[in-house]
Amino acid sequence: MKVTLESYGGLAAAANLRRRPHVLNTDDLSESAAAELARLVDAAAATPEEEQNGRARDAMSYVITVEDGDRSTVLTQSDTAKSPEFAALLARLRVHFAQQR
């Protein structure tokens, strides 16, 4: 499974335009870490997107693309409307990518 994280917007939106998306391949993870990531992806995909209220025009938006075999799932949420399941997946991805630096 390949998971890609892209971030858009925020106060530094212009600086983020040139950033490459972060990519995580579960083949590079331990079996337990890959299973945990799959569980988080399934939970986030099963939860409907939160409704945008439009109050924070400078909020960050996140696109998580999950490719698993022939299946591709795109999850999109923002700081103003983020389900707890999406937030948990996002937090796990951020920890992984921070450790890769």
PDB file of N, CA and C in Angstrom:
ATOM      1  N   MET A   1       0.859  -1.172   0.000  1.00  0.00           N
ATOM      2  CA  MET A   1       0.000   0.000   0.000  1.00  0.00           C
ATOM      3  C   MET A   1       0.905   1.235   0.000  1.00  0.00           C
ATOM      4  N   LYS A   2       0.526   2.214  -0.799  1.00  0.00           N
ATOM      5  CA  LYS A   2       1.263   3.482  -0.848  1.00  0.00           C
ATOM      6  C   LYS A   2       0.329   4.591  -0.387  1.00  0.00           C
ATOM      7  N   VAL A   3       0.812   5.423   0.548  1.00  0.00           N
ATOM      8  CA  VAL A   3       0.020   6.522   1.095  1.00  0.00           C
ATOM      9  C   VAL A   3       0.755   7.822   0.804  1.00  0.00           C
ATOM     10  N   THR A   4       0.044   8.770   0.185  1.00  0.00           N
ATOM     11  CA  THR A   4       0.625  10.067  -0.164  1.00  0.00           C
ATOM     12  C   THR A   4      -0.109  11.156   0.599  1.00  0.00           C
ATOM     13  N   LEU A   5       0.643  12.067   1.209  1.00  0.00           N
ATOM     14  CA  LEU A   5       0.074  13.186   1.952  1.00  0.00           C
ATOM     15  C   LEU A   5       0.483  14.489   1.284  1.00  0.00           C
ATOM     16  N   GLU A   6      -0.535  15.303   0.946  1.00  0.00           N
ATOM     17  CA  GLU A   6      -0.308  16.626   0.394  1.00  0.00           C
ATOM     18  C   GLU A   6      -1.022  17.635   1.283  1.00  0.00           C
ATOM     19  N   SER A   7      -0.374  18.783   1.520  1.00  0.00           N
ATOM     20  CA  SER A   7      -0.952  19.851   2.341  1.00  0.00           C
ATOM     21  C   SER A   7      -1.037  21.125   1.513  1.00  0.00           C
ATOM     22  N   TYR A   8      -2.157  21.838   1.683  1.00  0.00           N
ATOM     23  CA  TYR A   8      -2.379  23.072   0.947  1.00  0.00           C
ATOM     24  C   TYR A   8      -2.895  24.154   1.875  1.00  0.00           C
ATOM     25  N   GLY A   9      -2.630  25.410   1.514  1.00  0.00           N
ATOM     26  CA  GLY A   9      -3.203  26.541   2.223  1.00  0.00           C
ATOM     27  C   GLY A   9      -2.409  26.954   3.432  1.00  0.00           C
ATOM     28  N   GLY A  10      -3.096  27.567   4.374  1.00  0.00           N
ATOM     29  CA  GLY A  10      -2.443  28.062   5.577  1.00  0.00           C
ATOM     30  C   GLY A  10      -1.815  29.423   5.338  1.00  0.00           C
ATOM     31  N   LEU A  11      -1.191  29.935   6.367  1.00  0.00           N
ATOM     32  CA  LEU A  11      -0.568  31.257   6.271  1.00  0.00           C
ATOM     33  C   LEU A  11       0.625  31.275   5.331  1.00  0.00           C
ATOM     34  N   ALA A  12       1.281  30.142   5.164  1.00  0.00           N
ATOM     35  CA  ALA A  12       2.454  30.059   4.284  1.00  0.00           C
ATOM     36  C   ALA A  12       2.099  29.351   2.981  1.00  0.00           C
ATOM     37  N   ALA A  13       0.927  29.618   2.449  1.00  0.00           N
ATOM     38  CA  ALA A  13       0.437  28.913   1.266  1.00  0.00           C
ATOM     39  C   ALA A  13       1.398  29.017   0.087  1.00  0.00           C
ATOM     40  N   ALA A  14       1.963  30.184  -0.142  1.00  0.00           N
ATOM     41  CA  ALA A  14       2.879  30.358  -1.276  1.00  0.00           C
ATOM     42  C   ALA A  14       4.130  29.502  -1.114  1.00  0.00           C
ATOM     43  N   ALA A  15       4.616  29.356   0.092  1.00  0.00           N
ATOM     44  CA  ALA A  15       5.811  28.540   0.330  1.00  0.00           C
ATOM     45  C   ALA A  15       5.516  27.059   0.148  1.00  0.00           C
ATOM     46  N   ASN A  16       4.283  26.652   0.393  1.00  0.00           N
ATOM     47  CA  ASN A  16       3.916  25.239   0.287  1.00  0.00           C
ATOM     48  C   ASN A  16       3.672  24.784  -1.147  1.00  0.00           C
ATOM     49  N   LEU A  17       3.549  25.721  -2.089  1.00  0.00           N
ATOM     50  CA  LEU A  17       3.237  25.358  -3.467  1.00  0.00           C
ATOM     51  C   LEU A  17       4.310  24.487  -4.106  1.00  0.00           C
ATOM     52  N   ARG A  18       5.542  24.685  -3.740  1.00  0.00           N
ATOM     53  CA  ARG A  18       6.638  23.952  -4.373  1.00  0.00           C
ATOM     54  C   ARG A  18       7.019  22.668  -3.635  1.00  0.00           C
ATOM     55  N   ARG A  19       6.375  22.407  -2.526  1.00  0.00           N
ATOM     56  CA  ARG A  19       6.692  21.204  -1.766  1.00  0.00           C
ATOM     57  C   ARG A  19       6.195  19.959  -2.477  1.00  0.00           C
ATOM     58  N   ARG A  20       7.022  18.945  -2.453  1.00  0.00           N
ATOM     59  CA  ARG A  20       6.601  17.657  -2.984  1.00  0.00           C
ATOM     60  C   ARG A  20       5.742  16.951  -1.944  1.00  0.00           C
ATOM     61  N   PRO A  21       4.816  16.125  -2.398  1.00  0.00           N
ATOM     62  CA  PRO A  21       4.011  15.379  -1.435  1.00  0.00           C
ATOM     63  C   PRO A  21       4.889  14.355  -0.702  1.00  0.00           C
ATOM     64  N   HIS A  22       4.483  14.015   0.501  1.00  0.00           N
ATOM     65  CA  HIS A  22       5.162  12.973   1.265  1.00  0.00           C
ATOM     66  C   HIS A  22       4.563  11.638   0.846  1.00  0.00           C
ATOM     67  N   VAL A  23       5.422  10.629   0.673  1.00  0.00           N
ATOM     68  CA  VAL A  23       4.967   9.313   0.235  1.00  0.00           C
ATOM     69  C   VAL A  23       5.474   8.258   1.203  1.00  0.00           C
ATOM     70  N   LEU A  24       4.579   7.364   1.594  1.00  0.00           N
ATOM     71  CA  LEU A  24       4.914   6.268   2.502  1.00  0.00           C
ATOM     72  C   LEU A  24       4.493   4.964   1.845  1.00  0.00           C
ATOM     73  N   ASN A  25       5.418   4.041   1.736  1.00  0.00           N
ATOM     74  CA  ASN A  25       5.124   2.712   1.216  1.00  0.00           C
ATOM     75  C   ASN A  25       5.145   1.750   2.389  1.00  0.00           C
ATOM     76  N   THR A  26       4.062   1.014   2.588  1.00  0.00           N
ATOM     77  CA  THR A  26       3.993   0.125   3.753  1.00  0.00           C
ATOM     78  C   THR A  26       4.988  -1.027   3.662  1.00  0.00           C
ATOM     79  N   ASP A  27       5.549  -1.279   2.482  1.00  0.00           N
ATOM     80  CA  ASP A  27       6.591  -2.301   2.368  1.00  0.00           C
ATOM     81  C   ASP A  27       7.824  -1.917   3.178  1.00  0.00           C
ATOM     82  N   ASP A  28       7.980  -0.623   3.457  1.00  0.00           N
ATOM     83  CA  ASP A  28       9.123  -0.123   4.218  1.00  0.00           C
ATOM     84  C   ASP A  28       8.881  -0.152   5.724  1.00  0.00           C
ATOM     85  N   LEU A  29       7.687  -0.572   6.146  1.00  0.00           N
ATOM     86  CA  LEU A  29       7.334  -0.587   7.566  1.00  0.00           C
ATOM     87  C   LEU A  29       7.380  -2.005   8.129  1.00  0.00           C
ATOM     88  N   SER A  30       7.443  -2.081   9.437  1.00  0.00           N
ATOM     89  CA  SER A  30       7.322  -3.385  10.082  1.00  0.00           C
ATOM     90  C   SER A  30       5.892  -3.894   9.868  1.00  0.00           C
ATOM     91  N   GLU A  31       5.680  -5.159  10.084  1.00  0.00           N
ATOM     92  CA  GLU A  31       4.352  -5.745   9.885  1.00  0.00           C
ATOM     93  C   GLU A  31       3.316  -5.090  10.802  1.00  0.00           C
ATOM     94  N   SER A  32       3.687  -4.841  12.046  1.00  0.00           N
ATOM     95  CA  SER A  32       2.729  -4.243  12.988  1.00  0.00           C
ATOM     96  C   SER A  32       2.438  -2.779  12.631  1.00  0.00           C
ATOM     97  N   ALA A  33       3.451  -2.041  12.194  1.00  0.00           N
ATOM     98  CA  ALA A  33       3.248  -0.640  11.803  1.00  0.00           C
ATOM     99  C   ALA A  33       2.390  -0.555  10.543  1.00  0.00           C
ATOM    100  N   ALA A  34       2.599  -1.473   9.597  1.00  0.00           N
ATOM    101  CA  ALA A  34       1.795  -1.495   8.376  1.00  0.00           C
ATOM    102  C   ALA A  34       0.343  -1.837   8.695  1.00  0.00           C
ATOM    103  N   ALA A  35       0.119  -2.757   9.625  1.00  0.00           N
ATOM    104  CA  ALA A  35      -1.242  -3.129  10.031  1.00  0.00           C
ATOM    105  C   ALA A  35      -1.936  -1.958  10.723  1.00  0.00           C
ATOM    106  N   GLU A  36      -1.201  -1.234  11.569  1.00  0.00           N
ATOM    107  CA  GLU A  36      -1.763  -0.068  12.263  1.00  0.00           C
ATOM    108  C   GLU A  36      -2.145   1.015  11.259  1.00  0.00           C
ATOM    109  N   LEU A  37      -1.288   1.263  10.278  1.00  0.00           N
ATOM    110  CA  LEU A  37      -1.588   2.262   9.252  1.00  0.00           C
ATOM    111  C   LEU A  37      -2.816   1.840   8.446  1.00  0.00           C
ATOM    112  N   ALA A  38      -2.915   0.573   8.093  1.00  0.00           N
ATOM    113  CA  ALA A  38      -4.080   0.075   7.355  1.00  0.00           C
ATOM    114  C   ALA A  38      -5.353   0.258   8.174  1.00  0.00           C
ATOM    115  N   ARG A  39      -5.280   0.027   9.471  1.00  0.00           N
ATOM    116  CA  ARG A  39      -6.442   0.213  10.350  1.00  0.00           C
ATOM    117  C   ARG A  39      -6.866   1.678  10.363  1.00  0.00           C
ATOM    118  N   LEU A  40      -5.893   2.591  10.460  1.00  0.00           N
ATOM    119  CA  LEU A  40      -6.191   4.021  10.467  1.00  0.00           C
ATOM    120  C   LEU A  40      -6.794   4.476   9.136  1.00  0.00           C
ATOM    121  N   VAL A  41      -6.267   3.965   8.040  1.00  0.00           N
ATOM    122  CA  VAL A  41      -6.791   4.297   6.716  1.00  0.00           C
ATOM    123  C   VAL A  41      -8.235   3.821   6.590  1.00  0.00           C
ATOM    124  N   ASP A  42      -8.497   2.579   7.005  1.00  0.00           N
ATOM    125  CA  ASP A  42      -9.854   2.038   6.923  1.00  0.00           C
ATOM    126  C   ASP A  42     -10.835   2.865   7.747  1.00  0.00           C
ATOM    127  N   ALA A  43     -10.430   3.265   8.945  1.00  0.00           N
ATOM    128  CA  ALA A  43     -11.304   4.057   9.814  1.00  0.00           C
ATOM    129  C   ALA A  43     -11.588   5.426   9.200  1.00  0.00           C
ATOM    130  N   ALA A  44     -10.553   6.069   8.665  1.00  0.00           N
ATOM    131  CA  ALA A  44     -10.731   7.393   8.060  1.00  0.00           C
ATOM    132  C   ALA A  44     -11.593   7.313   6.796  1.00  0.00           C
ATOM    133  N   ALA A  45     -11.416   6.257   6.012  1.00  0.00           N
ATOM    134  CA  ALA A  45     -12.179   6.102   4.774  1.00  0.00           C
ATOM    135  C   ALA A  45     -13.649   5.792   5.054  1.00  0.00           C
ATOM    136  N   ALA A  46     -13.925   5.156   6.175  1.00  0.00           N
ATOM    137  CA  ALA A  46     -15.294   4.773   6.518  1.00  0.00           C
ATOM    138  C   ALA A  46     -16.085   5.914   7.146  1.00  0.00           C
ATOM    139  N   THR A  47     -15.408   6.997   7.497  1.00  0.00           N
ATOM    140  CA  THR A  47     -16.060   8.127   8.161  1.00  0.00           C
ATOM    141  C   THR A  47     -16.362   9.215   7.140  1.00  0.00           C
ATOM    142  N   PRO A  48     -17.596   9.709   7.104  1.00  0.00           N
ATOM    143  CA  PRO A  48     -17.925  10.779   6.149  1.00  0.00           C
ATOM    144  C   PRO A  48     -17.116  12.045   6.445  1.00  0.00           C
ATOM    145  N   GLU A  49     -16.848  12.796   5.379  1.00  0.00           N
ATOM    146  CA  GLU A  49     -16.124  14.058   5.545  1.00  0.00           C
ATOM    147  C   GLU A  49     -16.961  15.023   6.365  1.00  0.00           C
ATOM    148  N   GLU A  50     -16.276  15.805   7.199  1.00  0.00           N
ATOM    149  CA  GLU A  50     -16.957  16.829   7.983  1.00  0.00           C
ATOM    150  C   GLU A  50     -17.382  17.963   7.051  1.00  0.00           C
ATOM    151  N   GLU A  51     -18.453  18.635   7.383  1.00  0.00           N
ATOM    152  CA  GLU A  51     -18.926  19.752   6.573  1.00  0.00           C
ATOM    153  C   GLU A  51     -18.072  20.991   6.824  1.00  0.00           C
ATOM    154  N   GLN A  52     -17.653  21.640   5.750  1.00  0.00           N
ATOM    155  CA  GLN A  52     -16.843  22.850   5.845  1.00  0.00           C
ATOM    156  C   GLN A  52     -17.724  24.010   6.304  1.00  0.00           C
ATOM    157  N   ASN A  53     -17.238  24.797   7.255  1.00  0.00           N
ATOM    158  CA  ASN A  53     -18.029  25.949   7.676  1.00  0.00           C
ATOM    159  C   ASN A  53     -17.506  27.253   7.074  1.00  0.00           C
ATOM    160  N   GLY A  54     -16.346  27.257   6.425  1.00  0.00           N
ATOM    161  CA  GLY A  54     -15.830  28.416   5.726  1.00  0.00           C
ATOM    162  C   GLY A  54     -15.341  29.546   6.609  1.00  0.00           C
ATOM    163  N   ARG A  55     -15.226  29.326   7.903  1.00  0.00           N
ATOM    164  CA  ARG A  55     -14.819  30.413   8.800  1.00  0.00           C
ATOM    165  C   ARG A  55     -13.327  30.716   8.766  1.00  0.00           C
ATOM    166  N   ALA A  56     -12.508  29.756   8.494  1.00  0.00           N
ATOM    167  CA  ALA A  56     -11.058  29.969   8.526  1.00  0.00           C
ATOM    168  C   ALA A  56     -10.497  29.870   7.109  1.00  0.00           C
ATOM    169  N   ARG A  57     -10.446  30.964   6.435  1.00  0.00           N
ATOM    170  CA  ARG A  57     -10.003  30.978   5.040  1.00  0.00           C
ATOM    171  C   ARG A  57      -8.524  30.617   4.894  1.00  0.00           C
ATOM    172  N   ASP A  58      -7.751  30.753   5.959  1.00  0.00           N
ATOM    173  CA  ASP A  58      -6.326  30.424   5.894  1.00  0.00           C
ATOM    174  C   ASP A  58      -6.028  29.055   6.497  1.00  0.00           C
ATOM    175  N   ALA A  59      -7.035  28.217   6.654  1.00  0.00           N
ATOM    176  CA  ALA A  59      -6.844  26.885   7.235  1.00  0.00           C
ATOM    177  C   ALA A  59      -6.101  25.980   6.251  1.00  0.00           C
ATOM    178  N   MET A  60      -5.408  25.016   6.803  1.00  0.00           N
ATOM    179  CA  MET A  60      -4.720  24.026   5.992  1.00  0.00           C
ATOM    180  C   MET A  60      -5.725  22.989   5.504  1.00  0.00           C
ATOM    181  N   SER A  61      -5.526  22.510   4.281  1.00  0.00           N
ATOM    182  CA  SER A  61      -6.301  21.411   3.717  1.00  0.00           C
ATOM    183  C   SER A  61      -5.339  20.260   3.450  1.00  0.00           C
ATOM    184  N   TYR A  62      -5.841  19.047   3.601  1.00  0.00           N
ATOM    185  CA  TYR A  62      -5.004  17.855   3.467  1.00  0.00           C
ATOM    186  C   TYR A  62      -5.650  16.879   2.500  1.00  0.00           C
ATOM    187  N   VAL A  63      -4.827  16.302   1.641  1.00  0.00           N
ATOM    188  CA  VAL A  63      -5.276  15.261   0.729  1.00  0.00           C
ATOM    189  C   VAL A  63      -4.405  14.036   0.998  1.00  0.00           C
ATOM    190  N   ILE A  64      -5.049  12.954   1.406  1.00  0.00           N
ATOM    191  CA  ILE A  64      -4.352  11.689   1.626  1.00  0.00           C
ATOM    192  C   ILE A  64      -4.846  10.722   0.562  1.00  0.00           C
ATOM    193  N   THR A  65      -3.925  10.273  -0.278  1.00  0.00           N
ATOM    194  CA  THR A  65      -4.255   9.329  -1.339  1.00  0.00           C
ATOM    195  C   THR A  65      -3.686   7.968  -0.960  1.00  0.00           C
ATOM    196  N   VAL A  66      -4.539   6.962  -1.001  1.00  0.00           N
ATOM    197  CA  VAL A  66      -4.138   5.603  -0.636  1.00  0.00           C
ATOM    198  C   VAL A  66      -4.279   4.727  -1.869  1.00  0.00           C
ATOM    199  N   GLU A  67      -3.164   4.136  -2.284  1.00  0.00           N
ATOM    200  CA  GLU A  67      -3.171   3.213  -3.418  1.00  0.00           C
ATOM    201  C   GLU A  67      -2.866   1.824  -2.887  1.00  0.00           C
ATOM    202  N   ASP A  68      -3.802   0.909  -3.108  1.00  0.00           N
ATOM    203  CA  ASP A  68      -3.656  -0.463  -2.615  1.00  0.00           C
ATOM    204  C   ASP A  68      -4.059  -1.400  -3.742  1.00  0.00           C
ATOM    205  N   GLY A  69      -3.073  -1.916  -4.446  1.00  0.00           N
ATOM    206  CA  GLY A  69      -3.354  -2.741  -5.613  1.00  0.00           C
ATOM    207  C   GLY A  69      -4.002  -1.895  -6.690  1.00  0.00           C
ATOM    208  N   ASP A  70      -5.161  -2.333  -7.165  1.00  0.00           N
ATOM    209  CA  ASP A  70      -5.890  -1.600  -8.194  1.00  0.00           C
ATOM    210  C   ASP A  70      -6.817  -0.539  -7.616  1.00  0.00           C
ATOM    211  N   ARG A  71      -6.896  -0.471  -6.299  1.00  0.00           N
ATOM    212  CA  ARG A  71      -7.812   0.447  -5.621  1.00  0.00           C
ATOM    213  C   ARG A  71      -7.103   1.734  -5.245  1.00  0.00           C
ATOM    214  N   SER A  72      -7.768   2.865  -5.451  1.00  0.00           N
ATOM    215  CA  SER A  72      -7.232   4.157  -5.048  1.00  0.00           C
ATOM    216  C   SER A  72      -8.319   4.909  -4.291  1.00  0.00           C
ATOM    217  N   THR A  73      -7.965   5.423  -3.116  1.00  0.00           N
ATOM    218  CA  THR A  73      -8.899   6.163  -2.281  1.00  0.00           C
ATOM    219  C   THR A  73      -8.293   7.529  -1.989  1.00  0.00           C
ATOM    220  N   VAL A  74      -9.088   8.584  -2.153  1.00  0.00           N
ATOM    221  CA  VAL A  74      -8.625   9.940  -1.876  1.00  0.00           C
ATOM    222  C   VAL A  74      -9.459  10.503  -0.729  1.00  0.00           C
ATOM    223  N   LEU A  75      -8.785  10.900   0.339  1.00  0.00           N
ATOM    224  CA  LEU A  75      -9.426  11.495   1.513  1.00  0.00           C
ATOM    225  C   LEU A  75      -9.006  12.957   1.579  1.00  0.00           C
ATOM    226  N   THR A  76      -9.978  13.867   1.669  1.00  0.00           N
ATOM    227  CA  THR A  76      -9.691  15.298   1.712  1.00  0.00           C
ATOM    228  C   THR A  76     -10.428  15.925   2.878  1.00  0.00           C
ATOM    229  N   GLN A  77      -9.680  16.601   3.751  1.00  0.00           N
ATOM    230  CA  GLN A  77     -10.296  17.324   4.865  1.00  0.00           C
ATOM    231  C   GLN A  77      -9.414  18.527   5.189  1.00  0.00           C
ATOM    232  N   SER A  78      -9.889  19.362   6.115  1.00  0.00           N
ATOM    233  CA  SER A  78      -9.142  20.571   6.466  1.00  0.00           C
ATOM    234  C   SER A  78      -9.097  20.746   7.975  1.00  0.00           C
ATOM    235  N   ASP A  79      -8.341  21.734   8.394  1.00  0.00           N
ATOM    236  CA  ASP A  79      -8.243  22.017   9.829  1.00  0.00           C
ATOM    237  C   ASP A  79      -9.587  22.408  10.431  1.00  0.00           C
ATOM    238  N   THR A  80     -10.461  23.021   9.643  1.00  0.00           N
ATOM    239  CA  THR A  80     -11.750  23.464  10.172  1.00  0.00           C
ATOM    240  C   THR A  80     -12.798  22.369  10.176  1.00  0.00           C
ATOM    241  N   ALA A  81     -12.576  21.315   9.431  1.00  0.00           N
ATOM    242  CA  ALA A  81     -13.556  20.227   9.353  1.00  0.00           C
ATOM    243  C   ALA A  81     -12.810  18.917   9.161  1.00  0.00           C
ATOM    244  N   LYS A  82     -12.418  18.316  10.270  1.00  0.00           N
ATOM    245  CA  LYS A  82     -11.602  17.118  10.226  1.00  0.00           C
ATOM    246  C   LYS A  82     -12.196  16.109  11.200  1.00  0.00           C
ATOM    247  N   SER A  83     -12.510  14.920  10.706  1.00  0.00           N
ATOM    248  CA  SER A  83     -13.052  13.888  11.590  1.00  0.00           C
ATOM    249  C   SER A  83     -11.943  13.384  12.520  1.00  0.00           C
ATOM    250  N   PRO A  84     -12.305  12.841  13.663  1.00  0.00           N
ATOM    251  CA  PRO A  84     -11.286  12.284  14.572  1.00  0.00           C
ATOM    252  C   PRO A  84     -10.483  11.169  13.909  1.00  0.00           C
ATOM    253  N   GLU A  85     -11.114  10.394  13.048  1.00  0.00           N
ATOM    254  CA  GLU A  85     -10.418   9.298  12.366  1.00  0.00           C
ATOM    255  C   GLU A  85      -9.399   9.832  11.366  1.00  0.00           C
ATOM    256  N   PHE A  86      -9.790  10.874  10.630  1.00  0.00           N
ATOM    257  CA  PHE A  86      -8.864  11.499   9.687  1.00  0.00           C
ATOM    258  C   PHE A  86      -7.708  12.141  10.455  1.00  0.00           C
ATOM    259  N   ALA A  87      -8.020  12.796  11.564  1.00  0.00           N
ATOM    260  CA  ALA A  87      -6.994  13.441  12.384  1.00  0.00           C
ATOM    261  C   ALA A  87      -5.992  12.421  12.918  1.00  0.00           C
ATOM    262  N   ALA A  88      -6.469  11.245  13.315  1.00  0.00           N
ATOM    263  CA  ALA A  88      -5.571  10.197  13.818  1.00  0.00           C
ATOM    264  C   ALA A  88      -4.642   9.703  12.711  1.00  0.00           C
ATOM    265  N   LEU A  89      -5.185   9.508  11.504  1.00  0.00           N
ATOM    266  CA  LEU A  89      -4.352   9.090  10.368  1.00  0.00           C
ATOM    267  C   LEU A  89      -3.335  10.169  10.029  1.00  0.00           C
ATOM    268  N   LEU A  90      -3.768  11.409   9.979  1.00  0.00           N
ATOM    269  CA  LEU A  90      -2.869  12.526   9.687  1.00  0.00           C
ATOM    270  C   LEU A  90      -1.750  12.624  10.718  1.00  0.00           C
ATOM    271  N   ALA A  91      -2.090  12.478  11.983  1.00  0.00           N
ATOM    272  CA  ALA A  91      -1.079  12.538  13.047  1.00  0.00           C
ATOM    273  C   ALA A  91      -0.057  11.422  12.895  1.00  0.00           C
ATOM    274  N   ARG A  92      -0.514  10.218  12.568  1.00  0.00           N
ATOM    275  CA  ARG A  92       0.411   9.085  12.394  1.00  0.00           C
ATOM    276  C   ARG A  92       1.343   9.323  11.212  1.00  0.00           C
ATOM    277  N   LEU A  93       0.804   9.848  10.126  1.00  0.00           N
ATOM    278  CA  LEU A  93       1.641  10.150   8.959  1.00  0.00           C
ATOM    279  C   LEU A  93       2.663  11.233   9.283  1.00  0.00           C
ATOM    280  N   ARG A  94       2.240  12.256   9.990  1.00  0.00           N
ATOM    281  CA  ARG A  94       3.170  13.334  10.363  1.00  0.00           C
ATOM    282  C   ARG A  94       4.321  12.812  11.219  1.00  0.00           C
ATOM    283  N   VAL A  95       4.017  11.933  12.159  1.00  0.00           N
ATOM    284  CA  VAL A  95       5.076  11.353  13.002  1.00  0.00           C
ATOM    285  C   VAL A  95       6.049  10.578  12.135  1.00  0.00           C
ATOM    286  N   HIS A  96       5.527   9.768  11.229  1.00  0.00           N
ATOM    287  CA  HIS A  96       6.402   8.976  10.351  1.00  0.00           C
ATOM    288  C   HIS A  96       7.307   9.894   9.520  1.00  0.00           C
ATOM    289  N   PHE A  97       6.722  10.905   8.879  1.00  0.00           N
ATOM    290  CA  PHE A  97       7.516  11.767   8.003  1.00  0.00           C
ATOM    291  C   PHE A  97       8.512  12.615   8.807  1.00  0.00           C
ATOM    292  N   ALA A  98       8.173  12.991  10.024  1.00  0.00           N
ATOM    293  CA  ALA A  98       9.109  13.743  10.867  1.00  0.00           C
ATOM    294  C   ALA A  98      10.315  12.877  11.234  1.00  0.00           C
ATOM    295  N   GLN A  99      10.095  11.600  11.419  1.00  0.00           N
ATOM    296  CA  GLN A  99      11.190  10.683  11.758  1.00  0.00           C
ATOM    297  C   GLN A  99      12.091  10.425  10.576  1.00  0.00           C
ATOM    298  N   GLN A 100      11.604  10.680   9.367  1.00  0.00           N
ATOM    299  CA  GLN A 100      12.388  10.445   8.157  1.00  0.00           C
ATOM    300  C   GLN A 100      13.362  11.568   7.827  1.00  0.00           C
ATOM    301  N   ARG A 101      13.214  12.682   8.491  1.00  0.00           N
ATOM    302  CA  ARG A 101      14.081  13.834   8.198  1.00  0.00           C
ATOM    303  C   ARG A 101      15.464  13.631   8.694  1.00  0.00           C
TER     304      ARG A 101
END
